[in-house]
Amino acid sequence: MITAIVLIKTSVDRIPEIAESIAALDSVSEVYSVTGTYDLIAMVRVARHDDLADIIPGSISKIPGVEATDTHVAFRTYSQHDLEAAFAIGLDA
Protein backbone atom coordinates (compact mmCIF):
# COMPACT_ATOMS: atom_id res chain seq x y z
CA MET A 1 0.00 0.00 0.00
CA ILE A 2 1.35 3.41 -1.00
CA THR A 3 0.48 6.38 1.19
CA ALA A 4 0.56 9.97 -0.04
CA ILE A 5 0.07 13.04 2.12
CA VAL A 6 -1.55 15.76 0.01
CA LEU A 7 -1.33 19.36 1.23
CA ILE A 8 -4.14 21.38 -0.34
CA LYS A 9 -4.77 25.11 -0.76
CA THR A 10 -8.43 25.98 -1.32
CA SER A 11 -10.87 28.83 -1.59
CA VAL A 12 -11.20 29.69 2.11
CA ASP A 13 -14.93 30.36 1.87
CA ARG A 14 -15.57 26.75 0.75
CA ILE A 15 -13.25 24.68 2.95
CA PRO A 16 -15.95 22.42 4.48
CA GLU A 17 -17.58 21.64 1.11
CA ILE A 18 -14.25 20.98 -0.57
CA ALA A 19 -13.12 18.75 2.31
CA GLU A 20 -16.32 16.70 2.03
CA SER A 21 -15.87 16.32 -1.73
CA ILE A 22 -12.29 15.13 -1.29
CA ALA A 23 -13.22 12.75 1.54
CA ALA A 24 -15.86 11.14 -0.71
CA LEU A 25 -13.23 10.09 -3.28
CA ASP A 26 -12.07 6.48 -3.43
CA SER A 27 -8.57 6.04 -2.01
CA VAL A 28 -8.87 9.08 0.29
CA SER A 29 -8.90 7.76 3.86
CA GLU A 30 -8.96 11.06 5.81
CA VAL A 31 -9.13 14.78 5.21
CA TYR A 32 -8.00 17.22 7.89
CA SER A 33 -8.79 20.94 8.07
CA VAL A 34 -5.60 22.56 9.37
CA THR A 35 -3.98 25.88 10.21
CA GLY A 36 -0.96 27.27 8.42
CA THR A 37 0.01 27.62 4.77
CA TYR A 38 -2.40 24.91 3.60
CA ASP A 39 -6.11 24.59 4.29
CA LEU A 40 -6.54 20.81 4.07
CA ILE A 41 -4.43 17.68 4.34
CA ALA A 42 -5.67 14.50 2.64
CA MET A 43 -4.33 11.01 3.25
CA VAL A 44 -4.42 8.97 0.04
CA ARG A 45 -3.77 5.23 0.03
CA VAL A 46 -3.40 3.33 -3.25
CA ALA A 47 -2.05 0.01 -4.47
CA ARG A 48 0.16 1.36 -7.29
CA HIS A 49 2.07 4.59 -7.92
CA ASP A 50 0.14 5.07 -11.17
CA ASP A 51 -3.06 5.27 -9.11
CA LEU A 52 -1.76 8.47 -7.50
CA ALA A 53 -2.06 10.23 -10.87
CA ASP A 54 -5.70 9.20 -11.10
CA ILE A 55 -6.65 10.44 -7.66
CA ILE A 56 -4.50 13.56 -7.09
CA PRO A 57 -4.26 15.50 -10.38
CA GLY A 58 -7.08 13.47 -11.90
CA SER A 59 -9.67 14.00 -9.14
CA ILE A 60 -8.58 16.14 -6.17
CA SER A 61 -7.13 18.97 -8.28
CA LYS A 62 -10.27 19.09 -10.42
CA ILE A 63 -12.64 19.76 -7.52
CA PRO A 64 -13.92 23.35 -7.80
CA GLY A 65 -12.18 25.51 -5.19
CA VAL A 66 -8.95 23.48 -5.03
CA GLU A 67 -6.24 25.99 -5.90
CA ALA A 68 -3.02 23.99 -5.43
CA THR A 69 -1.69 20.69 -4.09
CA ASP A 70 1.68 19.58 -2.75
CA THR A 71 2.09 15.79 -2.56
CA HIS A 72 4.46 13.83 -0.33
CA VAL A 73 4.79 10.05 -0.79
CA ALA A 74 5.61 8.08 2.35
CA PHE A 75 8.58 5.70 2.28
CA ARG A 76 7.70 3.93 5.52
CA THR A 77 5.01 4.18 8.18
CA TYR A 78 5.69 4.40 11.91
CA SER A 79 2.88 4.56 14.42
CA GLN A 80 2.34 4.01 18.12
CA HIS A 81 -0.21 1.30 17.29
CA ASP A 82 2.39 -0.64 15.23
CA LEU A 83 5.02 -0.35 17.97
CA GLU A 84 2.66 -1.60 20.67
CA ALA A 85 1.68 -4.60 18.54
CA ALA A 86 5.32 -5.47 17.83
CA PHE A 87 6.29 -5.39 21.51
CA ALA A 88 3.25 -7.45 22.47
CA ILE A 89 4.20 -10.43 20.25
CA GLY A 90 4.65 -13.48 22.41
CA LEU A 91 3.33 -11.88 25.58
CA ASP A 92 0.37 -13.41 27.37
CA ALA A 93 -2.18 -10.93 28.63
PDB file of N, CA and C in Angstrom:
ATOM      1  N   MET A   1       0.850  -1.179   0.000  1.00  0.00           N
ATOM      2  CA  MET A   1       0.000   0.000   0.000  1.00  0.00           C
ATOM      3  C   MET A   1       0.891   1.236   0.000  1.00  0.00           C
ATOM      4  N   ILE A   2       0.600   2.162  -0.881  1.00  0.00           N
ATOM      5  CA  ILE A   2       1.348   3.409  -0.997  1.00  0.00           C
ATOM      6  C   ILE A   2       0.521   4.514  -0.356  1.00  0.00           C
ATOM      7  N   THR A   3       1.155   5.279   0.517  1.00  0.00           N
ATOM      8  CA  THR A   3       0.476   6.382   1.188  1.00  0.00           C
ATOM      9  C   THR A   3       1.045   7.701   0.701  1.00  0.00           C
ATOM     10  N   ALA A   4       0.155   8.614   0.336  1.00  0.00           N
ATOM     11  CA  ALA A   4       0.556   9.967  -0.040  1.00  0.00           C
ATOM     12  C   ALA A   4      -0.142  10.950   0.879  1.00  0.00           C
ATOM     13  N   ILE A   5       0.609  11.950   1.310  1.00  0.00           N
ATOM     14  CA  ILE A   5       0.065  13.035   2.119  1.00  0.00           C
ATOM     15  C   ILE A   5      -0.066  14.219   1.173  1.00  0.00           C
ATOM     16  N   VAL A   6      -1.293  14.695   0.974  1.00  0.00           N
ATOM     17  CA  VAL A   6      -1.547  15.757   0.007  1.00  0.00           C
ATOM     18  C   VAL A   6      -1.926  17.029   0.753  1.00  0.00           C
ATOM     19  N   LEU A   7      -1.075  18.056   0.634  1.00  0.00           N
ATOM     20  CA  LEU A   7      -1.333  19.361   1.232  1.00  0.00           C
ATOM     21  C   LEU A   7      -2.108  20.169   0.195  1.00  0.00           C
ATOM     22  N   ILE A   8      -3.223  20.771   0.614  1.00  0.00           N
ATOM     23  CA  ILE A   8      -4.143  21.379  -0.336  1.00  0.00           C
ATOM     24  C   ILE A   8      -4.474  22.815   0.051  1.00  0.00           C
ATOM     25  N   LYS A   9      -4.317  23.729  -0.913  1.00  0.00           N
ATOM     26  CA  LYS A   9      -4.775  25.111  -0.755  1.00  0.00           C
ATOM     27  C   LYS A   9      -6.126  25.215  -1.447  1.00  0.00           C
ATOM     28  N   THR A  10      -7.072  25.887  -0.783  1.00  0.00           N
ATOM     29  CA  THR A  10      -8.428  25.978  -1.316  1.00  0.00           C
ATOM     30  C   THR A  10      -8.952  27.404  -1.229  1.00  0.00           C
ATOM     31  N   SER A  11     -10.120  27.599  -1.817  1.00  0.00           N
ATOM     32  CA  SER A  11     -10.873  28.835  -1.586  1.00  0.00           C
ATOM     33  C   SER A  11     -11.327  28.786  -0.139  1.00  0.00           C
ATOM     34  N   VAL A  12     -10.931  29.763   0.668  1.00  0.00           N
ATOM     35  CA  VAL A  12     -11.199  29.686   2.108  1.00  0.00           C
ATOM     36  C   VAL A  12     -12.689  29.745   2.452  1.00  0.00           C
ATOM     37  N   ASP A  13     -13.500  30.283   1.580  1.00  0.00           N
ATOM     38  CA  ASP A  13     -14.930  30.359   1.870  1.00  0.00           C
ATOM     39  C   ASP A  13     -15.656  29.047   1.599  1.00  0.00           C
ATOM     40  N   ARG A  14     -14.934  28.023   1.084  1.00  0.00           N
ATOM     41  CA  ARG A  14     -15.571  26.750   0.750  1.00  0.00           C
ATOM     42  C   ARG A  14     -14.848  25.543   1.359  1.00  0.00           C
ATOM     43  N   ILE A  15     -14.050  25.766   2.381  1.00  0.00           N
ATOM     44  CA  ILE A  15     -13.248  24.677   2.946  1.00  0.00           C
ATOM     45  C   ILE A  15     -14.093  23.460   3.343  1.00  0.00           C
ATOM     46  N   PRO A  16     -15.185  23.613   4.080  1.00  0.00           N
ATOM     47  CA  PRO A  16     -15.948  22.417   4.477  1.00  0.00           C
ATOM     48  C   PRO A  16     -16.505  21.631   3.285  1.00  0.00           C
ATOM     49  N   GLU A  17     -17.019  22.327   2.282  1.00  0.00           N
ATOM     50  CA  GLU A  17     -17.582  21.644   1.110  1.00  0.00           C
ATOM     51  C   GLU A  17     -16.499  20.937   0.303  1.00  0.00           C
ATOM     52  N   ILE A  18     -15.354  21.584   0.162  1.00  0.00           N
ATOM     53  CA  ILE A  18     -14.248  20.979  -0.574  1.00  0.00           C
ATOM     54  C   ILE A  18     -13.719  19.760   0.180  1.00  0.00           C
ATOM     55  N   ALA A  19     -13.589  19.873   1.494  1.00  0.00           N
ATOM     56  CA  ALA A  19     -13.121  18.748   2.313  1.00  0.00           C
ATOM     57  C   ALA A  19     -14.057  17.549   2.173  1.00  0.00           C
ATOM     58  N   GLU A  20     -15.358  17.789   2.183  1.00  0.00           N
ATOM     59  CA  GLU A  20     -16.319  16.696   2.032  1.00  0.00           C
ATOM     60  C   GLU A  20     -16.218  16.052   0.656  1.00  0.00           C
ATOM     61  N   SER A  21     -16.016  16.853  -0.382  1.00  0.00           N
ATOM     62  CA  SER A  21     -15.872  16.317  -1.735  1.00  0.00           C
ATOM     63  C   SER A  21     -14.625  15.455  -1.855  1.00  0.00           C
ATOM     64  N   ILE A  22     -13.533  15.902  -1.255  1.00  0.00           N
ATOM     65  CA  ILE A  22     -12.293  15.126  -1.293  1.00  0.00           C
ATOM     66  C   ILE A  22     -12.444  13.838  -0.495  1.00  0.00           C
ATOM     67  N   ALA A  23     -13.044  13.927   0.684  1.00  0.00           N
ATOM     68  CA  ALA A  23     -13.220  12.745   1.537  1.00  0.00           C
ATOM     69  C   ALA A  23     -14.085  11.681   0.876  1.00  0.00           C
ATOM     70  N   ALA A  24     -14.966  12.084  -0.029  1.00  0.00           N
ATOM     71  CA  ALA A  24     -15.856  11.141  -0.707  1.00  0.00           C
ATOM     72  C   ALA A  24     -15.155  10.361  -1.824  1.00  0.00           C
ATOM     73  N   LEU A  25     -13.948  10.763  -2.197  1.00  0.00           N
ATOM     74  CA  LEU A  25     -13.230  10.089  -3.275  1.00  0.00           C
ATOM     75  C   LEU A  25     -12.678   8.744  -2.813  1.00  0.00           C
ATOM     76  N   ASP A  26     -12.709   7.762  -3.722  1.00  0.00           N
ATOM     77  CA  ASP A  26     -12.072   6.483  -3.434  1.00  0.00           C
ATOM     78  C   ASP A  26     -10.588   6.717  -3.217  1.00  0.00           C
ATOM     79  N   SER A  27      -9.988   5.983  -2.345  1.00  0.00           N
ATOM     80  CA  SER A  27      -8.567   6.040  -2.006  1.00  0.00           C
ATOM     81  C   SER A  27      -8.210   7.156  -1.029  1.00  0.00           C
ATOM     82  N   VAL A  28      -9.129   8.049  -0.719  1.00  0.00           N
ATOM     83  CA  VAL A  28      -8.874   9.078   0.286  1.00  0.00           C
ATOM     84  C   VAL A  28      -9.399   8.541   1.617  1.00  0.00           C
ATOM     85  N   SER A  29      -8.474   8.348   2.582  1.00  0.00           N
ATOM     86  CA  SER A  29      -8.898   7.761   3.855  1.00  0.00           C
ATOM     87  C   SER A  29      -9.294   8.811   4.878  1.00  0.00           C
ATOM     88  N   GLU A  30      -8.630   9.979   4.881  1.00  0.00           N
ATOM     89  CA  GLU A  30      -8.958  11.062   5.805  1.00  0.00           C
ATOM     90  C   GLU A  30      -8.679  12.391   5.134  1.00  0.00           C
ATOM     91  N   VAL A  31      -9.403  13.402   5.600  1.00  0.00           N
ATOM     92  CA  VAL A  31      -9.127  14.784   5.210  1.00  0.00           C
ATOM     93  C   VAL A  31      -9.160  15.611   6.485  1.00  0.00           C
ATOM     94  N   TYR A  32      -8.106  16.392   6.699  1.00  0.00           N
ATOM     95  CA  TYR A  32      -8.000  17.225   7.888  1.00  0.00           C
ATOM     96  C   TYR A  32      -8.039  18.691   7.493  1.00  0.00           C
ATOM     97  N   SER A  33      -8.819  19.486   8.201  1.00  0.00           N
ATOM     98  CA  SER A  33      -8.791  20.938   8.070  1.00  0.00           C
ATOM     99  C   SER A  33      -7.726  21.419   9.048  1.00  0.00           C
ATOM    100  N   VAL A  34      -6.757  22.201   8.549  1.00  0.00           N
ATOM    101  CA  VAL A  34      -5.604  22.557   9.371  1.00  0.00           C
ATOM    102  C   VAL A  34      -5.306  24.058   9.314  1.00  0.00           C
ATOM    103  N   THR A  35      -4.466  24.510  10.235  1.00  0.00           N
ATOM    104  CA  THR A  35      -3.982  25.884  10.214  1.00  0.00           C
ATOM    105  C   THR A  35      -2.663  25.928   9.461  1.00  0.00           C
ATOM    106  N   GLY A  36      -2.256  27.116   9.067  1.00  0.00           N
ATOM    107  CA  GLY A  36      -0.964  27.268   8.417  1.00  0.00           C
ATOM    108  C   GLY A  36      -1.091  27.604   6.949  1.00  0.00           C
ATOM    109  N   THR A  37      -0.065  27.289   6.197  1.00  0.00           N
ATOM    110  CA  THR A  37       0.011  27.623   4.775  1.00  0.00           C
ATOM    111  C   THR A  37      -1.061  26.916   3.955  1.00  0.00           C
ATOM    112  N   TYR A  38      -1.404  25.697   4.327  1.00  0.00           N
ATOM    113  CA  TYR A  38      -2.400  24.911   3.598  1.00  0.00           C
ATOM    114  C   TYR A  38      -3.700  24.878   4.378  1.00  0.00           C
ATOM    115  N   ASP A  39      -4.791  24.618   3.671  1.00  0.00           N
ATOM    116  CA  ASP A  39      -6.111  24.586   4.292  1.00  0.00           C
ATOM    117  C   ASP A  39      -6.548  23.175   4.671  1.00  0.00           C
ATOM    118  N   LEU A  40      -6.146  22.198   3.857  1.00  0.00           N
ATOM    119  CA  LEU A  40      -6.542  20.810   4.071  1.00  0.00           C
ATOM    120  C   LEU A  40      -5.345  19.890   3.884  1.00  0.00           C
ATOM    121  N   ILE A  41      -5.389  18.757   4.570  1.00  0.00           N
ATOM    122  CA  ILE A  41      -4.432  17.682   4.336  1.00  0.00           C
ATOM    123  C   ILE A  41      -5.246  16.418   4.095  1.00  0.00           C
ATOM    124  N   ALA A  42      -4.972  15.748   2.973  1.00  0.00           N
ATOM    125  CA  ALA A  42      -5.669  14.504   2.644  1.00  0.00           C
ATOM    126  C   ALA A  42      -4.679  13.347   2.686  1.00  0.00           C
ATOM    127  N   MET A  43      -5.116  12.239   3.240  1.00  0.00           N
ATOM    128  CA  MET A  43      -4.334  11.015   3.245  1.00  0.00           C
ATOM    129  C   MET A  43      -4.886  10.126   2.134  1.00  0.00           C
ATOM    130  N   VAL A  44      -4.014   9.787   1.190  1.00  0.00           N
ATOM    131  CA  VAL A  44      -4.415   8.973   0.041  1.00  0.00           C
ATOM    132  C   VAL A  44      -3.666   7.659   0.110  1.00  0.00           C
ATOM    133  N   ARG A  45      -4.390   6.556  -0.011  1.00  0.00           N
ATOM    134  CA  ARG A  45      -3.769   5.228   0.028  1.00  0.00           C
ATOM    135  C   ARG A  45      -4.168   4.467  -1.227  1.00  0.00           C
ATOM    136  N   VAL A  46      -3.160   4.021  -1.981  1.00  0.00           N
ATOM    137  CA  VAL A  46      -3.396   3.333  -3.251  1.00  0.00           C
ATOM    138  C   VAL A  46      -2.506   2.098  -3.346  1.00  0.00           C
ATOM    139  N   ALA A  47      -2.831   1.225  -4.277  1.00  0.00           N
ATOM    140  CA  ALA A  47      -2.049   0.006  -4.470  1.00  0.00           C
ATOM    141  C   ALA A  47      -0.819   0.235  -5.347  1.00  0.00           C
ATOM    142  N   ARG A  48      -0.937   1.138  -6.340  1.00  0.00           N
ATOM    143  CA  ARG A  48       0.162   1.363  -7.287  1.00  0.00           C
ATOM    144  C   ARG A  48       0.452   2.855  -7.425  1.00  0.00           C
ATOM    145  N   HIS A  49       1.703   3.180  -7.733  1.00  0.00           N
ATOM    146  CA  HIS A  49       2.071   4.585  -7.916  1.00  0.00           C
ATOM    147  C   HIS A  49       1.228   5.249  -9.005  1.00  0.00           C
ATOM    148  N   ASP A  50       0.944   4.515 -10.071  1.00  0.00           N
ATOM    149  CA  ASP A  50       0.139   5.071 -11.166  1.00  0.00           C
ATOM    150  C   ASP A  50      -1.231   5.530 -10.684  1.00  0.00           C
ATOM    151  N   ASP A  51      -1.749   4.901  -9.645  1.00  0.00           N
ATOM    152  CA  ASP A  51      -3.059   5.273  -9.109  1.00  0.00           C
ATOM    153  C   ASP A  51      -3.035   6.677  -8.496  1.00  0.00           C
ATOM    154  N   LEU A  52      -1.859   7.121  -8.051  1.00  0.00           N
ATOM    155  CA  LEU A  52      -1.755   8.472  -7.497  1.00  0.00           C
ATOM    156  C   LEU A  52      -2.115   9.522  -8.546  1.00  0.00           C
ATOM    157  N   ALA A  53      -1.736   9.282  -9.786  1.00  0.00           N
ATOM    158  CA  ALA A  53      -2.059  10.227 -10.866  1.00  0.00           C
ATOM    159  C   ALA A  53      -3.557  10.308 -11.095  1.00  0.00           C
ATOM    160  N   ASP A  54      -4.238   9.195 -10.927  1.00  0.00           N
ATOM    161  CA  ASP A  54      -5.697   9.196 -11.105  1.00  0.00           C
ATOM    162  C   ASP A  54      -6.393   9.980 -10.006  1.00  0.00           C
ATOM    163  N   ILE A  55      -5.941   9.835  -8.777  1.00  0.00           N
ATOM    164  CA  ILE A  55      -6.653  10.444  -7.658  1.00  0.00           C
ATOM    165  C   ILE A  55      -6.224  11.886  -7.380  1.00  0.00           C
ATOM    166  N   ILE A  56      -4.932  12.205  -7.487  1.00  0.00           N
ATOM    167  CA  ILE A  56      -4.498  13.558  -7.092  1.00  0.00           C
ATOM    168  C   ILE A  56      -4.723  14.561  -8.229  1.00  0.00           C
ATOM    169  N   PRO A  57      -3.950  14.536  -9.322  1.00  0.00           N
ATOM    170  CA  PRO A  57      -4.262  15.504 -10.381  1.00  0.00           C
ATOM    171  C   PRO A  57      -5.546  15.167 -11.125  1.00  0.00           C
ATOM    172  N   GLY A  58      -5.906  13.881 -11.153  1.00  0.00           N
ATOM    173  CA  GLY A  58      -7.084  13.469 -11.901  1.00  0.00           C
ATOM    174  C   GLY A  58      -8.403  13.723 -11.208  1.00  0.00           C
ATOM    175  N   SER A  59      -8.408  13.800  -9.882  1.00  0.00           N
ATOM    176  CA  SER A  59      -9.665  14.000  -9.141  1.00  0.00           C
ATOM    177  C   SER A  59      -9.599  15.161  -8.153  1.00  0.00           C
ATOM    178  N   ILE A  60      -8.644  15.107  -7.205  1.00  0.00           N
ATOM    179  CA  ILE A  60      -8.579  16.144  -6.174  1.00  0.00           C
ATOM    180  C   ILE A  60      -8.394  17.526  -6.795  1.00  0.00           C
ATOM    181  N   SER A  61      -7.433  17.656  -7.695  1.00  0.00           N
ATOM    182  CA  SER A  61      -7.134  18.967  -8.281  1.00  0.00           C
ATOM    183  C   SER A  61      -8.258  19.520  -9.145  1.00  0.00           C
ATOM    184  N   LYS A  62      -9.165  18.652  -9.565  1.00  0.00           N
ATOM    185  CA  LYS A  62     -10.273  19.091 -10.422  1.00  0.00           C
ATOM    186  C   LYS A  62     -11.520  19.501  -9.647  1.00  0.00           C
ATOM    187  N   ILE A  63     -11.496  19.352  -8.332  1.00  0.00           N
ATOM    188  CA  ILE A  63     -12.640  19.765  -7.518  1.00  0.00           C
ATOM    189  C   ILE A  63     -12.679  21.295  -7.493  1.00  0.00           C
ATOM    190  N   PRO A  64     -13.824  21.885  -7.817  1.00  0.00           N
ATOM    191  CA  PRO A  64     -13.921  23.351  -7.797  1.00  0.00           C
ATOM    192  C   PRO A  64     -13.535  23.918  -6.428  1.00  0.00           C
ATOM    193  N   GLY A  65     -12.640  24.897  -6.431  1.00  0.00           N
ATOM    194  CA  GLY A  65     -12.180  25.513  -5.192  1.00  0.00           C
ATOM    195  C   GLY A  65     -10.805  25.049  -4.763  1.00  0.00           C
ATOM    196  N   VAL A  66     -10.321  23.928  -5.315  1.00  0.00           N
ATOM    197  CA  VAL A  66      -8.954  23.484  -5.026  1.00  0.00           C
ATOM    198  C   VAL A  66      -8.025  24.337  -5.874  1.00  0.00           C
ATOM    199  N   GLU A  67      -7.128  25.062  -5.207  1.00  0.00           N
ATOM    200  CA  GLU A  67      -6.239  25.994  -5.898  1.00  0.00           C
ATOM    201  C   GLU A  67      -4.858  25.416  -6.168  1.00  0.00           C
ATOM    202  N   ALA A  68      -4.350  24.572  -5.259  1.00  0.00           N
ATOM    203  CA  ALA A  68      -3.023  23.985  -5.430  1.00  0.00           C
ATOM    204  C   ALA A  68      -2.874  22.779  -4.514  1.00  0.00           C
ATOM    205  N   THR A  69      -2.007  21.845  -4.928  1.00  0.00           N
ATOM    206  CA  THR A  69      -1.685  20.685  -4.094  1.00  0.00           C
ATOM    207  C   THR A  69      -0.176  20.512  -4.026  1.00  0.00           C
ATOM    208  N   ASP A  70       0.277  19.912  -2.942  1.00  0.00           N
ATOM    209  CA  ASP A  70       1.681  19.576  -2.752  1.00  0.00           C
ATOM    210  C   ASP A  70       1.678  18.163  -2.174  1.00  0.00           C
ATOM    211  N   THR A  71       2.202  17.201  -2.931  1.00  0.00           N
ATOM    212  CA  THR A  71       2.091  15.794  -2.565  1.00  0.00           C
ATOM    213  C   THR A  71       3.408  15.244  -2.031  1.00  0.00           C
ATOM    214  N   HIS A  72       3.308  14.500  -0.934  1.00  0.00           N
ATOM    215  CA  HIS A  72       4.464  13.834  -0.329  1.00  0.00           C
ATOM    216  C   HIS A  72       4.141  12.344  -0.238  1.00  0.00           C
ATOM    217  N   VAL A  73       4.996  11.503  -0.829  1.00  0.00           N
ATOM    218  CA  VAL A  73       4.794  10.055  -0.794  1.00  0.00           C
ATOM    219  C   VAL A  73       5.601   9.482   0.366  1.00  0.00           C
ATOM    220  N   ALA A  74       4.959   8.677   1.181  1.00  0.00           N
ATOM    221  CA  ALA A  74       5.607   8.084   2.348  1.00  0.00           C
ATOM    222  C   ALA A  74       6.484   6.905   1.939  1.00  0.00           C
ATOM    223  N   PHE A  75       7.702   6.851   2.498  1.00  0.00           N
ATOM    224  CA  PHE A  75       8.582   5.703   2.282  1.00  0.00           C
ATOM    225  C   PHE A  75       8.224   4.557   3.224  1.00  0.00           C
ATOM    226  N   ARG A  76       7.949   4.916   4.479  1.00  0.00           N
ATOM    227  CA  ARG A  76       7.702   3.929   5.523  1.00  0.00           C
ATOM    228  C   ARG A  76       6.742   4.542   6.528  1.00  0.00           C
ATOM    229  N   THR A  77       5.971   3.696   7.195  1.00  0.00           N
ATOM    230  CA  THR A  77       5.013   4.183   8.182  1.00  0.00           C
ATOM    231  C   THR A  77       5.443   3.740   9.577  1.00  0.00           C
ATOM    232  N   TYR A  78       5.429   4.686  10.492  1.00  0.00           N
ATOM    233  CA  TYR A  78       5.693   4.405  11.909  1.00  0.00           C
ATOM    234  C   TYR A  78       4.499   4.912  12.689  1.00  0.00           C
ATOM    235  N   SER A  79       3.985   4.105  13.593  1.00  0.00           N
ATOM    236  CA  SER A  79       2.880   4.564  14.425  1.00  0.00           C
ATOM    237  C   SER A  79       2.957   3.909  15.792  1.00  0.00           C
ATOM    238  N   GLN A  80       2.365   4.550  16.767  1.00  0.00           N
ATOM    239  CA  GLN A  80       2.343   4.008  18.122  1.00  0.00           C
ATOM    240  C   GLN A  80       1.619   2.669  18.139  1.00  0.00           C
ATOM    241  N   HIS A  81       0.563   2.547  17.358  1.00  0.00           N
ATOM    242  CA  HIS A  81      -0.208   1.297  17.285  1.00  0.00           C
ATOM    243  C   HIS A  81       0.688   0.152  16.809  1.00  0.00           C
ATOM    244  N   ASP A  82       1.496   0.385  15.759  1.00  0.00           N
ATOM    245  CA  ASP A  82       2.387  -0.643  15.228  1.00  0.00           C
ATOM    246  C   ASP A  82       3.444  -1.035  16.256  1.00  0.00           C
ATOM    247  N   LEU A  83       3.998  -0.059  16.970  1.00  0.00           N
ATOM    248  CA  LEU A  83       5.022  -0.348  17.968  1.00  0.00           C
ATOM    249  C   LEU A  83       4.465  -1.176  19.117  1.00  0.00           C
ATOM    250  N   GLU A  84       3.280  -0.845  19.582  1.00  0.00           N
ATOM    251  CA  GLU A  84       2.659  -1.602  20.674  1.00  0.00           C
ATOM    252  C   GLU A  84       2.399  -3.041  20.247  1.00  0.00           C
ATOM    253  N   ALA A  85       1.942  -3.244  19.028  1.00  0.00           N
ATOM    254  CA  ALA A  85       1.676  -4.598  18.535  1.00  0.00           C
ATOM    255  C   ALA A  85       2.963  -5.394  18.428  1.00  0.00           C
ATOM    256  N   ALA A  86       4.041  -4.770  17.970  1.00  0.00           N
ATOM    257  CA  ALA A  86       5.319  -5.472  17.829  1.00  0.00           C
ATOM    258  C   ALA A  86       5.866  -5.898  19.178  1.00  0.00           C
ATOM    259  N   PHE A  87       5.779  -5.039  20.190  1.00  0.00           N
ATOM    260  CA  PHE A  87       6.294  -5.385  21.514  1.00  0.00           C
ATOM    261  C   PHE A  87       5.409  -6.387  22.244  1.00  0.00           C
ATOM    262  N   ALA A  88       4.171  -6.530  21.813  1.00  0.00           N
ATOM    263  CA  ALA A  88       3.246  -7.453  22.472  1.00  0.00           C
ATOM    264  C   ALA A  88       3.348  -8.888  21.934  1.00  0.00           C
ATOM    265  N   ILE A  89       4.084  -9.087  20.849  1.00  0.00           N
ATOM    266  CA  ILE A  89       4.202 -10.431  20.250  1.00  0.00           C
ATOM    267  C   ILE A  89       4.816 -11.369  21.265  1.00  0.00           C
ATOM    268  N   GLY A  90       4.127 -12.465  21.501  1.00  0.00           N
ATOM    269  CA  GLY A  90       4.647 -13.483  22.412  1.00  0.00           C
ATOM    270  C   GLY A  90       4.318 -13.251  23.860  1.00  0.00           C
ATOM    271  N   LEU A  91       3.694 -12.148  24.199  1.00  0.00           N
ATOM    272  CA  LEU A  91       3.330 -11.885  25.583  1.00  0.00           C
ATOM    273  C   LEU A  91       1.916 -12.353  25.852  1.00  0.00           C
ATOM    274  N   ASP A  92       1.727 -13.019  26.973  1.00  0.00           N
ATOM    275  CA  ASP A  92       0.374 -13.412  27.375  1.00  0.00           C
ATOM    276  C   ASP A  92      -0.236 -12.316  28.211  1.00  0.00           C
ATOM    277  N   ALA A  93      -1.482 -12.004  27.897  1.00  0.00           N
ATOM    278  CA  ALA A  93      -2.179 -10.931  28.625  1.00  0.00           C
ATOM    279  C   ALA A  93      -2.692 -11.423  29.933  1.00  0.00           C
TER     280      ALA A  93
END
